[in-house]
């Protein structure tokens, strides 16, 4: 990570976390607030709470389940579906990495060291 001190790296990581939070907050507000307001005002509250409970259940499924239901085993199908476009504005996406690189040119997310790669995984 170039010649940054531990204090610099800590500051960069904090800033990166803030930058990565922005797409989550914006996406959540744009998607969840309107549907939440609509459902709360138009649906029977008992049904609404049942749907909320059901929507939490997939969070407890093992990763192997999600591996089995993947659309494709290679990246080709995802590129055709436009995942690359979404990656521009997602966490650790193109835009966020570009902003970090502009402010800290020598910063790298991963060093070519086994420990750094294992930490990322």
Protein backbone atom coordinates (compact mmCIF):
# COMPACT_ATOMS: atom_id res chain seq x y z
CA UNK A 1 0.00 0.00 0.00
CA UNK A 2 2.70 2.31 -1.02
CA UNK A 3 4.30 4.27 1.79
CA UNK A 4 1.23 5.07 3.87
CA UNK A 5 1.44 4.86 7.65
CA UNK A 6 -0.99 2.78 9.70
CA UNK A 7 -2.77 6.00 10.66
CA UNK A 8 -3.15 6.97 6.98
CA UNK A 9 -4.47 3.51 6.12
CA UNK A 10 -6.95 3.67 8.98
CA UNK A 11 -8.17 7.07 7.75
CA UNK A 12 -8.46 5.78 4.17
CA UNK A 13 -10.45 2.73 5.29
CA UNK A 14 -12.84 4.93 7.32
CA UNK A 15 -13.34 7.22 4.33
CA UNK A 16 -13.84 4.24 2.04
CA UNK A 17 -16.49 2.88 4.41
CA UNK A 18 -18.32 6.23 4.30
CA UNK A 19 -18.15 6.31 0.51
CA UNK A 20 -19.46 2.74 0.33
CA UNK A 21 -22.34 3.61 2.62
CA UNK A 22 -23.69 6.25 0.21
CA UNK A 23 -24.95 3.79 -2.48
CA UNK A 24 -26.62 1.68 0.22
CA UNK A 25 -28.44 4.60 1.80
CA UNK A 26 -29.51 6.12 -1.52
CA UNK A 27 -30.67 2.76 -2.89
CA UNK A 28 -32.52 1.90 0.29
CA UNK A 29 -34.29 5.25 0.46
CA UNK A 30 -35.26 5.26 -3.22
CA UNK A 31 -36.54 1.68 -3.16
CA UNK A 32 -37.82 0.98 0.30
CA UNK A 33 -39.43 4.21 1.48
CA UNK A 34 -42.12 4.49 -1.24
CA UNK A 35 -43.11 0.82 -1.08
CA UNK A 36 -43.08 0.87 2.72
CA UNK A 37 -45.38 3.89 2.84
CA UNK A 38 -47.71 2.36 0.27
CA UNK A 39 -47.87 -1.02 2.02
CA UNK A 40 -48.31 0.51 5.47
CA UNK A 41 -51.19 2.68 4.25
CA UNK A 42 -52.92 0.20 1.91
CA UNK A 43 -52.34 -3.27 3.36
CA UNK A 44 -53.79 -5.04 6.34
CA UNK A 45 -51.07 -4.70 8.99
CA UNK A 46 -51.18 -8.38 9.90
CA UNK A 47 -50.44 -9.34 6.28
CA UNK A 48 -47.68 -6.74 6.11
CA UNK A 49 -45.95 -8.17 9.18
CA UNK A 50 -46.23 -11.70 7.76
CA UNK A 51 -44.59 -10.58 4.50
CA UNK A 52 -41.81 -8.84 6.43
CA UNK A 53 -41.17 -12.00 8.47
CA UNK A 54 -41.11 -14.14 5.31
CA UNK A 55 -38.66 -11.76 3.62
CA UNK A 56 -36.15 -12.20 6.46
CA UNK A 57 -36.00 -16.00 6.15
CA UNK A 58 -33.57 -16.14 3.14
CA UNK A 59 -30.96 -14.40 5.27
CA UNK A 60 -30.58 -17.65 7.20
CA UNK A 61 -30.00 -19.87 4.14
CA UNK A 62 -26.47 -21.27 3.73
CA UNK A 63 -24.20 -19.92 0.99
CA UNK A 64 -24.38 -23.29 -0.77
CA UNK A 65 -28.06 -22.64 -1.49
CA UNK A 66 -27.23 -19.42 -3.31
CA UNK A 67 -24.40 -21.11 -5.18
CA UNK A 68 -26.87 -23.67 -6.54
CA UNK A 69 -29.39 -21.09 -7.76
CA UNK A 70 -26.89 -18.94 -9.64
CA UNK A 71 -27.95 -17.96 -13.13
CA UNK A 72 -24.60 -18.83 -14.68
CA UNK A 73 -21.30 -20.38 -13.73
CA UNK A 74 -19.29 -17.86 -15.75
CA UNK A 75 -19.37 -14.08 -15.89
CA UNK A 76 -20.61 -13.97 -19.50
CA UNK A 77 -24.33 -14.08 -18.64
CA UNK A 78 -23.94 -11.44 -15.95
CA UNK A 79 -22.17 -9.12 -18.37
CA UNK A 80 -25.04 -9.57 -20.84
CA UNK A 81 -27.54 -8.77 -18.09
CA UNK A 82 -25.78 -5.49 -17.32
CA UNK A 83 -24.21 -6.25 -13.96
CA UNK A 84 -21.18 -4.23 -15.07
CA UNK A 85 -23.35 -1.11 -15.26
CA UNK A 86 -24.62 -1.65 -11.73
CA UNK A 87 -21.04 -2.21 -10.54
CA UNK A 88 -20.22 1.38 -11.42
CA UNK A 89 -22.41 2.71 -8.60
CA UNK A 90 -22.24 -0.23 -6.16
CA UNK A 91 -20.09 -0.63 -3.07
CA UNK A 92 -16.42 -0.73 -4.00
CA UNK A 93 -17.54 -0.05 -7.53
CA UNK A 94 -15.86 1.88 -10.30
CA UNK A 95 -16.91 5.35 -9.16
CA UNK A 96 -15.94 4.86 -5.51
CA UNK A 97 -12.60 3.30 -6.42
CA UNK A 98 -11.89 6.18 -8.81
CA UNK A 99 -12.58 8.76 -6.08
CA UNK A 100 -10.31 6.93 -3.61
CA UNK A 101 -7.56 6.57 -6.23
CA UNK A 102 -7.77 10.28 -6.99
CA UNK A 103 -7.37 11.24 -3.33
CA UNK A 104 -4.83 8.50 -2.50
CA UNK A 105 -3.01 7.48 -5.72
CA UNK A 106 -0.86 4.76 -4.13
CA UNK A 107 -3.70 3.02 -2.27
CA UNK A 108 -4.53 -0.56 -3.25
CA UNK A 109 -7.38 -2.62 -1.86
CA UNK A 110 -5.33 -5.80 -2.01
CA UNK A 111 -1.61 -6.28 -1.78
CA UNK A 112 -0.12 -9.23 -3.61
CA UNK A 113 0.37 -11.01 -0.30
CA UNK A 114 -1.44 -14.09 0.94
CA UNK A 115 -2.67 -12.39 4.15
CA UNK A 116 -4.21 -9.47 2.24
CA UNK A 117 -6.05 -11.78 -0.14
CA UNK A 118 -7.34 -13.98 2.70
CA UNK A 119 -8.61 -10.90 4.55
CA UNK A 120 -10.57 -9.83 1.47
CA UNK A 121 -12.07 -13.29 0.98
